[in-house]
């Protein structure tokens, strides 16, 4: 199957439900992230009696925590499936947001700083998951997911209105709602791909018998096919570890996965 034929079998963009769900999750995540950062100083000064300079220093520590969380999450992605990590991080973020909206004093601020750690990996994870297996729609789908940053312009006014009417502490229920949507997407993706926890290494040994006179084909293997081939490999004990092809009969194998 060549690339043109494979692309012709890809569903229309408006039927790419995984990408659409990812866009919604990205929209809500960015909105939640922006509100958490925007209202941090207000929360620290109103709920824990820190001064403005002290709250600004704490925000710097929170941003450092965010950076550390991104590196730690990247390391975890080498061992665990992306959707599983997103699912777990979203649960923790919801719990931390709930405590932030209910807690008071220094413990509430500490929990809010911890929230920065667990929200750090969500944007790249949702993006990669949402653009997987889009075929000819990959560029357009990536652009749509990037448009999810518009959530950062929608959530802050909502949280601000709630903060003015009630309190900054109560207003942190708004980002919690955003993390609930992220949780729903992570759970949807995790269930759809078989509840896998450990990361699947998409390295497949393929035996090819060259056929003289035939045009060099391009084989496109989806993540589901890769999973099946890997499982088959585990059950067979006498599969060769090499792929022997000459230069004139070389095959191209492209895997699209997250």
C-alpha atoms as a PDB file:
ATOM      1  CA  UNK A   1       0.000   0.000   0.000  1.00  0.00           C
ATOM      2  CA  UNK A   2       1.560   3.317  -1.041  1.00  0.00           C
ATOM      3  CA  UNK A   3       1.214   6.556   0.872  1.00  0.00           C
ATOM      4  CA  UNK A   4      -1.420   8.054  -1.421  1.00  0.00           C
ATOM      5  CA  UNK A   5      -3.641   5.003  -1.088  1.00  0.00           C
ATOM      6  CA  UNK A   6      -3.181   4.949   2.677  1.00  0.00           C
ATOM      7  CA  UNK A   7      -4.121   8.630   2.979  1.00  0.00           C
ATOM      8  CA  UNK A   8      -7.225   8.047   0.886  1.00  0.00           C
ATOM      9  CA  UNK A   9      -8.440   5.603   3.541  1.00  0.00           C
ATOM     10  CA  UNK A  10      -8.081   8.129   6.395  1.00  0.00           C
ATOM     11  CA  UNK A  11     -11.414   9.398   7.729  1.00  0.00           C
ATOM     12  CA  UNK A  12     -12.422  13.019   7.069  1.00  0.00           C
ATOM     13  CA  UNK A  13     -11.111  15.562   9.553  1.00  0.00           C
ATOM     14  CA  UNK A  14     -14.521  16.114  11.110  1.00  0.00           C
ATOM     15  CA  UNK A  15     -14.684  12.391  11.918  1.00  0.00           C
ATOM     16  CA  UNK A  16     -11.356  12.381  13.745  1.00  0.00           C
ATOM     17  CA  UNK A  17     -13.028  12.126  17.147  1.00  0.00           C
ATOM     18  CA  UNK A  18      -9.788  11.591  19.040  1.00  0.00           C
ATOM     19  CA  UNK A  19      -8.417  14.848  17.662  1.00  0.00           C
ATOM     20  CA  UNK A  20     -11.640  16.714  18.445  1.00  0.00           C
ATOM     21  CA  UNK A  21     -11.697  15.416  22.013  1.00  0.00           C
ATOM     22  CA  UNK A  22      -8.014  16.336  22.345  1.00  0.00           C
ATOM     23  CA  UNK A  23      -8.786  19.891  21.223  1.00  0.00           C
ATOM     24  CA  UNK A  24     -11.473  20.211  23.904  1.00  0.00           C
ATOM     25  CA  UNK A  25      -9.084  18.830  26.523  1.00  0.00           C
ATOM     26  CA  UNK A  26      -6.311  21.175  25.365  1.00  0.00           C
ATOM     27  CA  UNK A  27      -8.676  24.148  25.501  1.00  0.00           C
ATOM     28  CA  UNK A  28      -9.684  23.315  29.065  1.00  0.00           C
ATOM     29  CA  UNK A  29      -6.135  22.532  30.163  1.00  0.00           C
ATOM     30  CA  UNK A  30      -4.676  25.800  28.917  1.00  0.00           C
ATOM     31  CA  UNK A  31      -7.543  27.659  30.546  1.00  0.00           C
ATOM     32  CA  UNK A  32      -6.863  25.877  33.831  1.00  0.00           C
ATOM     33  CA  UNK A  33      -3.109  26.453  33.624  1.00  0.00           C
ATOM     34  CA  UNK A  34      -3.474  30.171  32.929  1.00  0.00           C
ATOM     35  CA  UNK A  35      -5.934  30.693  35.779  1.00  0.00           C
ATOM     36  CA  UNK A  36      -3.766  28.785  38.250  1.00  0.00           C
ATOM     37  CA  UNK A  37      -0.818  31.042  37.442  1.00  0.00           C
ATOM     38  CA  UNK A  38      -2.830  34.259  37.169  1.00  0.00           C
ATOM     39  CA  UNK A  39      -4.543  33.933  40.542  1.00  0.00           C
ATOM     40  CA  UNK A  40      -1.595  32.488  42.460  1.00  0.00           C
ATOM     41  CA  UNK A  41      -0.518  35.790  44.033  1.00  0.00           C
ATOM     42  CA  UNK A  42      -4.094  36.713  44.928  1.00  0.00           C
ATOM     43  CA  UNK A  43      -4.548  33.324  46.570  1.00  0.00           C
ATOM     44  CA  UNK A  44      -1.315  33.581  48.554  1.00  0.00           C
ATOM     45  CA  UNK A  45      -2.039  37.113  49.807  1.00  0.00           C
ATOM     46  CA  UNK A  46      -5.744  36.657  50.577  1.00  0.00           C
ATOM     47  CA  UNK A  47      -5.770  33.092  51.838  1.00  0.00           C
ATOM     48  CA  UNK A  48      -2.393  32.801  53.553  1.00  0.00           C
ATOM     49  CA  UNK A  49      -1.546  36.401  54.501  1.00  0.00           C
ATOM     50  CA  UNK A  50       1.674  36.589  52.467  1.00  0.00           C
ATOM     51  CA  UNK A  51       2.832  39.996  51.279  1.00  0.00           C
ATOM     52  CA  UNK A  52       2.954  40.739  47.565  1.00  0.00           C
ATOM     53  CA  UNK A  53       6.761  40.362  47.346  1.00  0.00           C
ATOM     54  CA  UNK A  54       6.609  37.084  49.243  1.00  0.00           C
ATOM     55  CA  UNK A  55       3.820  35.810  46.996  1.00  0.00           C
ATOM     56  CA  UNK A  56       5.852  36.782  43.928  1.00  0.00           C
ATOM     57  CA  UNK A  57       8.794  34.750  45.210  1.00  0.00           C
ATOM     58  CA  UNK A  58       6.516  31.794  45.830  1.00  0.00           C
ATOM     59  CA  UNK A  59       5.225  32.067  42.265  1.00  0.00           C
ATOM     60  CA  UNK A  60       8.831  31.839  41.067  1.00  0.00           C
ATOM     61  CA  UNK A  61       9.241  28.650  43.070  1.00  0.00           C
ATOM     62  CA  UNK A  62       6.015  27.340  41.555  1.00  0.00           C
ATOM     63  CA  UNK A  63       7.309  27.981  38.034  1.00  0.00           C
ATOM     64  CA  UNK A  64      10.534  26.170  38.896  1.00  0.00           C
ATOM     65  CA  UNK A  65       8.395  23.284  40.105  1.00  0.00           C
ATOM     66  CA  UNK A  66       6.568  23.373  36.773  1.00  0.00           C
ATOM     67  CA  UNK A  67       9.871  23.073  34.904  1.00  0.00           C
ATOM     68  CA  UNK A  68      11.073  20.202  37.079  1.00  0.00           C
ATOM     69  CA  UNK A  69       7.738  18.456  36.569  1.00  0.00           C
ATOM     70  CA  UNK A  70       8.120  18.683  32.800  1.00  0.00           C
ATOM     71  CA  UNK A  71      11.507  16.930  32.919  1.00  0.00           C
ATOM     72  CA  UNK A  72      10.283  14.279  35.363  1.00  0.00           C
ATOM     73  CA  UNK A  73       7.220  13.629  33.215  1.00  0.00           C
ATOM     74  CA  UNK A  74       9.382  13.276  30.107  1.00  0.00           C
ATOM     75  CA  UNK A  75      11.472  10.670  31.914  1.00  0.00           C
ATOM     76  CA  UNK A  76       8.351   8.782  33.007  1.00  0.00           C
ATOM     77  CA  UNK A  77       7.136   8.743  29.402  1.00  0.00           C
ATOM     78  CA  UNK A  78      10.014   6.389  28.569  1.00  0.00           C
ATOM     79  CA  UNK A  79       8.500   3.756  30.852  1.00  0.00           C
ATOM     80  CA  UNK A  80       4.748   4.370  30.863  1.00  0.00           C
ATOM     81  CA  UNK A  81       2.088   5.006  28.250  1.00  0.00           C
ATOM     82  CA  UNK A  82       1.312   8.674  27.646  1.00  0.00           C
ATOM     83  CA  UNK A  83      -2.426   8.278  28.178  1.00  0.00           C
ATOM     84  CA  UNK A  84      -1.863   6.480  31.495  1.00  0.00           C
ATOM     85  CA  UNK A  85       0.423   9.267  32.732  1.00  0.00           C
ATOM     86  CA  UNK A  86      -2.127  11.897  31.659  1.00  0.00           C
ATOM     87  CA  UNK A  87      -4.879   9.967  33.433  1.00  0.00           C
ATOM     88  CA  UNK A  88      -2.935   9.746  36.714  1.00  0.00           C
ATOM     89  CA  UNK A  89      -1.696  13.344  36.571  1.00  0.00           C
ATOM     90  CA  UNK A  90      -5.223  14.605  35.909  1.00  0.00           C
ATOM     91  CA  UNK A  91      -6.595  12.752  38.941  1.00  0.00           C
ATOM     92  CA  UNK A  92      -3.894  14.240  41.153  1.00  0.00           C
ATOM     93  CA  UNK A  93      -4.461  17.715  39.700  1.00  0.00           C
ATOM     94  CA  UNK A  94      -8.184  17.497  40.435  1.00  0.00           C
ATOM     95  CA  UNK A  95      -7.475  16.482  44.019  1.00  0.00           C
ATOM     96  CA  UNK A  96      -4.966  19.290  44.499  1.00  0.00           C
ATOM     97  CA  UNK A  97      -7.340  21.846  42.981  1.00  0.00           C
ATOM     98  CA  UNK A  98     -10.126  20.678  45.268  1.00  0.00           C
ATOM     99  CA  UNK A  99      -7.901  21.057  48.322  1.00  0.00           C
ATOM    100  CA  UNK A 100      -6.765  24.482  47.143  1.00  0.00           C
ATOM    101  CA  UNK A 101     -10.354  25.667  46.954  1.00  0.00           C
ATOM    102  CA  UNK A 102     -11.104  24.281  50.425  1.00  0.00           C
ATOM    103  CA  UNK A 103      -7.820  24.693  52.313  1.00  0.00           C
ATOM    104  CA  UNK A 104      -6.469  27.733  54.055  1.00  0.00           C
ATOM    105  CA  UNK A 105      -3.111  29.165  55.010  1.00  0.00           C
ATOM    106  CA  UNK A 106       0.323  27.858  54.144  1.00  0.00           C
ATOM    107  CA  UNK A 107      -0.799  24.260  53.414  1.00  0.00           C
ATOM    108  CA  UNK A 108      -3.097  25.576  50.677  1.00  0.00           C
ATOM    109  CA  UNK A 109      -0.238  27.486  49.063  1.00  0.00           C
ATOM    110  CA  UNK A 110       2.044  24.445  49.214  1.00  0.00           C
ATOM    111  CA  UNK A 111      -0.624  22.314  47.554  1.00  0.00           C
ATOM    112  CA  UNK A 112      -1.078  24.981  44.894  1.00  0.00           C
ATOM    113  CA  UNK A 113       2.661  24.899  44.173  1.00  0.00           C
ATOM    114  CA  UNK A 114       2.472  21.101  43.897  1.00  0.00           C
ATOM    115  CA  UNK A 115      -0.301  21.551  41.332  1.00  0.00           C
ATOM    116  CA  UNK A 116       2.215  23.216  39.019  1.00  0.00           C
ATOM    117  CA  UNK A 117       4.264  20.015  39.029  1.00  0.00           C
ATOM    118  CA  UNK A 118       1.431  17.755  37.905  1.00  0.00           C
ATOM    119  CA  UNK A 119      -0.059  20.089  35.303  1.00  0.00           C
ATOM    120  CA  UNK A 120       3.287  20.575  33.572  1.00  0.00           C
ATOM    121  CA  UNK A 121       3.150  17.523  31.307  1.00  0.00           C
ATOM    122  CA  UNK A 122      -0.413  17.872  30.077  1.00  0.00           C
ATOM    123  CA  UNK A 123       0.010  20.209  27.091  1.00  0.00           C
ATOM    124  CA  UNK A 124       2.627  18.172  25.142  1.00  0.00           C
ATOM    125  CA  UNK A 125       0.966  14.888  26.103  1.00  0.00           C
ATOM    126  CA  UNK A 126      -2.457  15.949  24.836  1.00  0.00           C
ATOM    127  CA  UNK A 127      -0.887  17.344  21.668  1.00  0.00           C
ATOM    128  CA  UNK A 128       0.953  14.122  20.828  1.00  0.00           C
ATOM    129  CA  UNK A 129      -2.045  11.941  21.613  1.00  0.00           C
ATOM    130  CA  UNK A 130      -4.394  14.165  19.615  1.00  0.00           C
ATOM    131  CA  UNK A 131      -2.257  14.242  16.462  1.00  0.00           C
ATOM    132  CA  UNK A 132      -1.509  10.504  16.355  1.00  0.00           C
ATOM    133  CA  UNK A 133      -2.660   8.568  13.270  1.00  0.00           C
ATOM    134  CA  UNK A 134      -4.175  11.559  11.475  1.00  0.00           C
ATOM    135  CA  UNK A 135      -2.461  10.739   8.187  1.00  0.00           C
ATOM    136  CA  UNK A 136      -2.988  13.516   5.641  1.00  0.00           C
ATOM    137  CA  UNK A 137      -4.790  15.570   8.317  1.00  0.00           C
ATOM    138  CA  UNK A 138      -1.754  15.761  10.619  1.00  0.00           C
ATOM    139  CA  UNK A 139      -0.797  19.369   9.832  1.00  0.00           C
ATOM    140  CA  UNK A 140      -4.340  20.656  10.006  1.00  0.00           C
ATOM    141  CA  UNK A 141      -5.050  18.668  13.167  1.00  0.00           C
ATOM    142  CA  UNK A 142      -1.907  20.045  14.807  1.00  0.00           C
ATOM    143  CA  UNK A 143      -3.044  23.558  13.972  1.00  0.00           C
ATOM    144  CA  UNK A 144      -6.459  22.913  15.502  1.00  0.00           C
ATOM    145  CA  UNK A 145      -4.889  21.610  18.709  1.00  0.00           C
ATOM    146  CA  UNK A 146      -2.663  24.679  18.933  1.00  0.00           C
ATOM    147  CA  UNK A 147      -5.842  26.749  18.767  1.00  0.00           C
ATOM    148  CA  UNK A 148      -6.664  25.198  22.116  1.00  0.00           C
ATOM    149  CA  UNK A 149      -4.517  27.885  23.740  1.00  0.00           C
ATOM    150  CA  UNK A 150      -7.552  30.143  23.321  1.00  0.00           C
ATOM    151  CA  UNK A 151      -8.820  28.549  26.515  1.00  0.00           C
ATOM    152  CA  UNK A 152      -6.371  30.825  28.297  1.00  0.00           C
ATOM    153  CA  UNK A 153      -8.511  33.778  27.250  1.00  0.00           C
ATOM    154  CA  UNK A 154     -11.815  32.225  28.354  1.00  0.00           C
ATOM    155  CA  UNK A 155     -11.158  30.754  31.797  1.00  0.00           C
ATOM    156  CA  UNK A 156      -9.563  33.758  33.622  1.00  0.00           C
ATOM    157  CA  UNK A 157     -12.607  36.068  33.269  1.00  0.00           C
ATOM    158  CA  UNK A 158     -14.834  33.288  34.597  1.00  0.00           C
ATOM    159  CA  UNK A 159     -12.583  32.676  37.582  1.00  0.00           C
ATOM    160  CA  UNK A 160     -12.235  36.412  38.135  1.00  0.00           C
ATOM    161  CA  UNK A 161     -16.001  36.845  38.297  1.00  0.00           C
ATOM    162  CA  UNK A 162     -16.285  34.027  40.824  1.00  0.00           C
ATOM    163  CA  UNK A 163     -13.383  35.439  42.851  1.00  0.00           C
ATOM    164  CA  UNK A 164     -15.057  38.872  42.996  1.00  0.00           C
ATOM    165  CA  UNK A 165     -18.400  37.457  44.064  1.00  0.00           C
ATOM    166  CA  UNK A 166     -17.166  34.822  46.494  1.00  0.00           C
ATOM    167  CA  UNK A 167     -13.403  34.484  47.067  1.00  0.00           C
ATOM    168  CA  UNK A 168     -10.188  33.595  45.260  1.00  0.00           C
ATOM    169  CA  UNK A 169     -10.118  30.325  47.174  1.00  0.00           C
ATOM    170  CA  UNK A 170     -13.544  29.259  45.876  1.00  0.00           C
ATOM    171  CA  UNK A 171     -12.644  30.387  42.356  1.00  0.00           C
ATOM    172  CA  UNK A 172     -10.108  27.568  42.063  1.00  0.00           C
ATOM    173  CA  UNK A 173     -13.028  25.263  41.333  1.00  0.00           C
ATOM    174  CA  UNK A 174     -12.790  26.664  37.788  1.00  0.00           C
ATOM    175  CA  UNK A 175      -9.399  25.079  36.936  1.00  0.00           C
ATOM    176  CA  UNK A 176     -10.582  21.923  38.673  1.00  0.00           C
ATOM    177  CA  UNK A 177     -13.355  21.684  36.070  1.00  0.00           C
ATOM    178  CA  UNK A 178     -10.732  22.031  33.343  1.00  0.00           C
ATOM    179  CA  UNK A 179      -8.710  19.171  34.802  1.00  0.00           C
ATOM    180  CA  UNK A 180     -11.855  17.030  34.922  1.00  0.00           C
ATOM    181  CA  UNK A 181     -12.158  17.395  31.132  1.00  0.00           C
ATOM    182  CA  UNK A 182      -8.488  16.431  30.773  1.00  0.00           C
ATOM    183  CA  UNK A 183      -9.162  13.389  32.957  1.00  0.00           C
ATOM    184  CA  UNK A 184     -12.081  12.403  30.733  1.00  0.00           C
ATOM    185  CA  UNK A 185      -9.898  12.553  27.619  1.00  0.00           C
ATOM    186  CA  UNK A 186      -7.056  10.637  29.237  1.00  0.00           C
ATOM    187  CA  UNK A 187      -9.460   7.945  30.428  1.00  0.00           C
ATOM    188  CA  UNK A 188     -11.134   7.749  27.007  1.00  0.00           C
ATOM    189  CA  UNK A 189      -7.794   7.320  25.251  1.00  0.00           C
ATOM    190  CA  UNK A 190      -6.500   4.831  27.818  1.00  0.00           C
ATOM    191  CA  UNK A 191      -9.600   2.634  27.549  1.00  0.00           C
ATOM    192  CA  UNK A 192      -9.623   2.837  23.757  1.00  0.00           C
ATOM    193  CA  UNK A 193      -6.029   1.582  23.593  1.00  0.00           C
ATOM    194  CA  UNK A 194      -6.439  -1.338  25.942  1.00  0.00           C
ATOM    195  CA  UNK A 195      -5.588  -0.088  29.445  1.00  0.00           C
ATOM    196  CA  UNK A 196      -1.852  -0.335  28.790  1.00  0.00           C
ATOM    197  CA  UNK A 197       0.381   0.944  31.576  1.00  0.00           C
ATOM    198  CA  UNK A 198       3.918   0.231  30.444  1.00  0.00           C
ATOM    199  CA  UNK A 199       5.150   1.938  27.300  1.00  0.00           C
ATOM    200  CA  UNK A 200       5.073  -0.149  24.141  1.00  0.00           C
ATOM    201  CA  UNK A 201       8.350  -0.033  22.269  1.00  0.00           C
ATOM    202  CA  UNK A 202       7.395   0.221  18.605  1.00  0.00           C
ATOM    203  CA  UNK A 203      10.333  -1.811  17.370  1.00  0.00           C
ATOM    204  CA  UNK A 204       9.225  -4.623  15.092  1.00  0.00           C
ATOM    205  CA  UNK A 205      11.231  -7.263  13.270  1.00  0.00           C
ATOM    206  CA  UNK A 206       9.798  -7.805   9.797  1.00  0.00           C
ATOM    207  CA  UNK A 207      10.811 -10.486   7.305  1.00  0.00           C
ATOM    208  CA  UNK A 208      10.541  -9.345   3.715  1.00  0.00           C
ATOM    209  CA  UNK A 209      10.904 -11.525   0.663  1.00  0.00           C
ATOM    210  CA  UNK A 210      11.926  -9.236  -2.222  1.00  0.00           C
ATOM    211  CA  UNK A 211       9.930  -9.603  -5.414  1.00  0.00           C
ATOM    212  CA  UNK A 212      11.918  -8.649  -8.531  1.00  0.00           C
ATOM    213  CA  UNK A 213      10.298  -6.107 -10.801  1.00  0.00           C
ATOM    214  CA  UNK A 214       7.889  -4.714  -8.216  1.00  0.00           C
ATOM    215  CA  UNK A 215       7.831  -1.072  -7.204  1.00  0.00           C
ATOM    216  CA  UNK A 216       9.170  -0.285  -3.756  1.00  0.00           C
ATOM    217  CA  UNK A 217       6.128  -0.026  -1.442  1.00  0.00           C
ATOM    218  CA  UNK A 218       5.544   2.048   1.661  1.00  0.00           C
ATOM    219  CA  UNK A 219       3.977   0.172   4.550  1.00  0.00           C
ATOM    220  CA  UNK A 220       2.101   2.297   7.103  1.00  0.00           C
ATOM    221  CA  UNK A 221       1.602   0.486  10.398  1.00  0.00           C
ATOM    222  CA  UNK A 222      -0.815   1.855  12.988  1.00  0.00           C
ATOM    223  CA  UNK A 223      -0.237   1.554  16.729  1.00  0.00           C
ATOM    224  CA  UNK A 224      -2.784  -1.260  16.971  1.00  0.00           C
ATOM    225  CA  UNK A 225      -0.949  -3.314  14.356  1.00  0.00           C
ATOM    226  CA  UNK A 226       2.351  -2.633  16.072  1.00  0.00           C
ATOM    227  CA  UNK A 227       0.898  -3.858  19.372  1.00  0.00           C
ATOM    228  CA  UNK A 228      -0.335  -7.055  17.722  1.00  0.00           C
ATOM    229  CA  UNK A 229       2.988  -7.725  16.047  1.00  0.00           C
ATOM    230  CA  UNK A 230       4.879  -7.168  19.276  1.00  0.00           C
ATOM    231  CA  UNK A 231       2.587  -9.536  21.143  1.00  0.00           C
ATOM    232  CA  UNK A 232       3.074 -12.153  18.443  1.00  0.00           C
ATOM    233  CA  UNK A 233       6.816 -11.732  18.667  1.00  0.00           C
ATOM    234  CA  UNK A 234       6.741 -12.408  22.377  1.00  0.00           C
ATOM    235  CA  UNK A 235       4.984 -15.720  21.796  1.00  0.00           C
ATOM    236  CA  UNK A 236       7.375 -16.905  19.144  1.00  0.00           C
ATOM    237  CA  UNK A 237      10.862 -17.894  20.201  1.00  0.00           C
ATOM    238  CA  UNK A 238      12.558 -18.361  16.854  1.00  0.00           C
ATOM    239  CA  UNK A 239      12.085 -15.071  15.007  1.00  0.00           C
ATOM    240  CA  UNK A 240      15.131 -13.575  13.371  1.00  0.00           C
ATOM    241  CA  UNK A 241      16.400 -10.263  14.727  1.00  0.00           C
ATOM    242  CA  UNK A 242      17.524  -8.883  11.377  1.00  0.00           C
ATOM    243  CA  UNK A 243      15.887  -7.421   8.343  1.00  0.00           C
ATOM    244  CA  UNK A 244      17.810  -8.432   5.213  1.00  0.00           C
ATOM    245  CA  UNK A 245      16.984  -6.405   2.185  1.00  0.00           C
ATOM    246  CA  UNK A 246      19.194  -5.162  -0.617  1.00  0.00           C
ATOM    247  CA  UNK A 247      19.290  -1.592  -1.817  1.00  0.00           C
ATOM    248  CA  UNK A 248      16.958  -2.183  -4.756  1.00  0.00           C
ATOM    249  CA  UNK A 249      14.264  -3.872  -2.676  1.00  0.00           C
ATOM    250  CA  UNK A 250      14.322  -1.727   0.415  1.00  0.00           C
ATOM    251  CA  UNK A 251      11.003  -1.317   2.259  1.00  0.00           C
ATOM    252  CA  UNK A 252       9.937   1.769   4.169  1.00  0.00           C
ATOM    253  CA  UNK A 253       8.062   1.172   7.420  1.00  0.00           C
ATOM    254  CA  UNK A 254       6.475   4.179   9.066  1.00  0.00           C
ATOM    255  CA  UNK A 255       4.713   3.920  12.418  1.00  0.00           C
ATOM    256  CA  UNK A 256       2.435   6.622  13.698  1.00  0.00           C
ATOM    257  CA  UNK A 257       2.032   6.427  17.439  1.00  0.00           C
ATOM    258  CA  UNK A 258       2.223   8.543  20.533  1.00  0.00           C
END
